[in-house]
Amino acid sequence: LTVGLVGIIIGTIFIIKGLRKSNAAERRGPL
C-alpha cells in the first residue's frame, strides 16, 4: 500500500510539472 501511495504521489507531481511546462510553452509560443 505504501509503495502504491508513493507511486500516486510521484505520478501527480510529474503530471503537475508537465501541465506547468505545457502552459509555459503555450504562453511563450504565440508571444
PDB file of N, CA and C in Angstrom:
ATOM      1  N   LEU A   1       0.845  -1.206   0.000  1.00  0.00           N
ATOM      2  CA  LEU A   1       0.000   0.000   0.000  1.00  0.00           C
ATOM      3  C   LEU A   1       0.880   1.255   0.000  1.00  0.00           C
ATOM      4  N   THR A   2       1.924   1.244   0.828  1.00  0.00           N
ATOM      5  CA  THR A   2       2.790   2.436   0.904  1.00  0.00           C
ATOM      6  C   THR A   2       3.430   2.708  -0.453  1.00  0.00           C
ATOM      7  N   VAL A   3       3.879   1.640  -1.123  1.00  0.00           N
ATOM      8  CA  VAL A   3       4.509   1.824  -2.440  1.00  0.00           C
ATOM      9  C   VAL A   3       3.501   2.421  -3.416  1.00  0.00           C
ATOM     10  N   GLY A   4       2.268   1.954  -3.361  1.00  0.00           N
ATOM     11  CA  GLY A   4       1.234   2.472  -4.261  1.00  0.00           C
ATOM     12  C   GLY A   4       0.990   3.951  -4.000  1.00  0.00           C
ATOM     13  N   LEU A   5       0.918   4.317  -2.718  1.00  0.00           N
ATOM     14  CA  LEU A   5       0.685   5.730  -2.381  1.00  0.00           C
ATOM     15  C   LEU A   5       1.838   6.585  -2.888  1.00  0.00           C
ATOM     16  N   VAL A   6       3.057   6.112  -2.692  1.00  0.00           N
ATOM     17  CA  VAL A   6       4.231   6.868  -3.164  1.00  0.00           C
ATOM     18  C   VAL A   6       4.172   7.011  -4.680  1.00  0.00           C
ATOM     19  N   GLY A   7       3.798   5.947  -5.362  1.00  0.00           N
ATOM     20  CA  GLY A   7       3.709   5.996  -6.824  1.00  0.00           C
ATOM     21  C   GLY A   7       2.672   7.013  -7.272  1.00  0.00           C
ATOM     22  N   ILE A   8       1.533   7.042  -6.577  1.00  0.00           N
ATOM     23  CA  ILE A   8       0.479   8.002  -6.934  1.00  0.00           C
ATOM     24  C   ILE A   8       0.984   9.425  -6.719  1.00  0.00           C
ATOM     25  N   ILE A   9       1.664   9.651  -5.605  1.00  0.00           N
ATOM     26  CA  ILE A   9       2.176  10.996  -5.303  1.00  0.00           C
ATOM     27  C   ILE A   9       3.177  11.417  -6.376  1.00  0.00           C
ATOM     28  N   ILE A  10       4.094  10.529  -6.714  1.00  0.00           N
ATOM     29  CA  ILE A  10       5.097  10.846  -7.746  1.00  0.00           C
ATOM     30  C   ILE A  10       4.395  11.107  -9.079  1.00  0.00           C
ATOM     31  N   GLY A  11       3.399  10.303  -9.391  1.00  0.00           N
ATOM     32  CA  GLY A  11       2.669  10.485 -10.649  1.00  0.00           C
ATOM     33  C   GLY A  11       2.006  11.851 -10.697  1.00  0.00           C
ATOM     34  N   THR A  12       1.353  12.242  -9.596  1.00  0.00           N
ATOM     35  CA  THR A  12       0.680  13.548  -9.567  1.00  0.00           C
ATOM     36  C   THR A  12       1.701  14.666  -9.729  1.00  0.00           C
ATOM     37  N   ILE A  13       2.865  14.517  -9.099  1.00  0.00           N
ATOM     38  CA  ILE A  13       3.904  15.550  -9.204  1.00  0.00           C
ATOM     39  C   ILE A  13       4.351  15.681 -10.659  1.00  0.00           C
ATOM     40  N   PHE A  14       4.586  14.536 -11.333  1.00  0.00           N
ATOM     41  CA  PHE A  14       5.015  14.591 -12.736  1.00  0.00           C
ATOM     42  C   PHE A  14       3.929  15.223 -13.597  1.00  0.00           C
ATOM     43  N   ILE A  15       2.660  14.902 -13.308  1.00  0.00           N
ATOM     44  CA  ILE A  15       1.552  15.472 -14.085  1.00  0.00           C
ATOM     45  C   ILE A  15       1.515  16.984 -13.896  1.00  0.00           C
ATOM     46  N   ILE A  16       1.669  17.439 -12.644  1.00  0.00           N
ATOM     47  CA  ILE A  16       1.641  18.880 -12.360  1.00  0.00           C
ATOM     48  C   ILE A  16       2.795  19.567 -13.088  1.00  0.00           C
ATOM     49  N   LYS A  17       3.981  18.963 -13.042  1.00  0.00           N
ATOM     50  CA  LYS A  17       5.140  19.559 -13.726  1.00  0.00           C
ATOM     51  C   LYS A  17       4.878  19.614 -15.224  1.00  0.00           C
ATOM     52  N   GLY A  18       4.301  18.543 -15.781  1.00  0.00           N
ATOM     53  CA  GLY A  18       4.020  18.518 -17.212  1.00  0.00           C
ATOM     54  C   GLY A  18       3.030  19.608 -17.587  1.00  0.00           C
ATOM     55  N   LEU A  19       1.988  19.804 -16.759  1.00  0.00           N
ATOM     56  CA  LEU A  19       1.000  20.843 -17.049  1.00  0.00           C
ATOM     57  C   LEU A  19       1.659  22.206 -16.994  1.00  0.00           C
ATOM     58  N   ARG A  20       2.506  22.429 -16.006  1.00  0.00           N
ATOM     59  CA  ARG A  20       3.176  23.735 -15.886  1.00  0.00           C
ATOM     60  C   ARG A  20       4.073  23.975 -17.090  1.00  0.00           C
ATOM     61  N   LYS A  21       4.814  22.943 -17.522  1.00  0.00           N
ATOM     62  CA  LYS A  21       5.704  23.095 -18.676  1.00  0.00           C
ATOM     63  C   LYS A  21       4.883  23.353 -19.940  1.00  0.00           C
ATOM     64  N   SER A  22       3.775  22.650 -20.114  1.00  0.00           N
ATOM     65  CA  SER A  22       2.946  22.827 -21.305  1.00  0.00           C
ATOM     66  C   SER A  22       2.356  24.233 -21.308  1.00  0.00           C
ATOM     67  N   ASN A  23       1.904  24.710 -20.157  1.00  0.00           N
ATOM     68  CA  ASN A  23       1.334  26.058 -20.072  1.00  0.00           C
ATOM     69  C   ASN A  23       2.402  27.093 -20.404  1.00  0.00           C
ATOM     70  N   ALA A  24       3.603  26.921 -19.884  1.00  0.00           N
ATOM     71  CA  ALA A  24       4.694  27.867 -20.149  1.00  0.00           C
ATOM     72  C   ALA A  24       5.015  27.864 -21.641  1.00  0.00           C
ATOM     73  N   ALA A  25       5.049  26.693 -22.262  1.00  0.00           N
ATOM     74  CA  ALA A  25       5.358  26.588 -23.687  1.00  0.00           C
ATOM     75  C   ALA A  25       4.267  27.279 -24.500  1.00  0.00           C
ATOM     76  N   GLU A  26       3.007  27.083 -24.118  1.00  0.00           N
ATOM     77  CA  GLU A  26       1.910  27.711 -24.850  1.00  0.00           C
ATOM     78  C   GLU A  26       1.969  29.227 -24.703  1.00  0.00           C
ATOM     79  N   ARG A  27       2.319  29.701 -23.524  1.00  0.00           N
ATOM     80  CA  ARG A  27       2.397  31.151 -23.308  1.00  0.00           C
ATOM     81  C   ARG A  27       3.559  31.749 -24.097  1.00  0.00           C
ATOM     82  N   ARG A  28       4.708  31.069 -24.100  1.00  0.00           N
ATOM     83  CA  ARG A  28       5.882  31.594 -24.798  1.00  0.00           C
ATOM     84  C   ARG A  28       5.733  31.456 -26.313  1.00  0.00           C
ATOM     85  N   GLY A  29       5.049  30.419 -26.764  1.00  0.00           N
ATOM     86  CA  GLY A  29       4.927  30.156 -28.199  1.00  0.00           C
ATOM     87  C   GLY A  29       4.317  31.317 -28.976  1.00  0.00           C
ATOM     88  N   PRO A  30       3.033  31.613 -28.768  1.00  0.00           N
ATOM     89  CA  PRO A  30       2.349  32.664 -29.544  1.00  0.00           C
ATOM     90  C   PRO A  30       2.999  34.030 -29.369  1.00  0.00           C
ATOM     91  N   LEU A  31       3.496  34.308 -28.171  1.00  0.00           N
ATOM     92  CA  LEU A  31       4.102  35.622 -27.940  1.00  0.00           C
ATOM     93  C   LEU A  31       5.457  35.675 -28.634  1.00  0.00           C
TER      94      LEU A  31
END
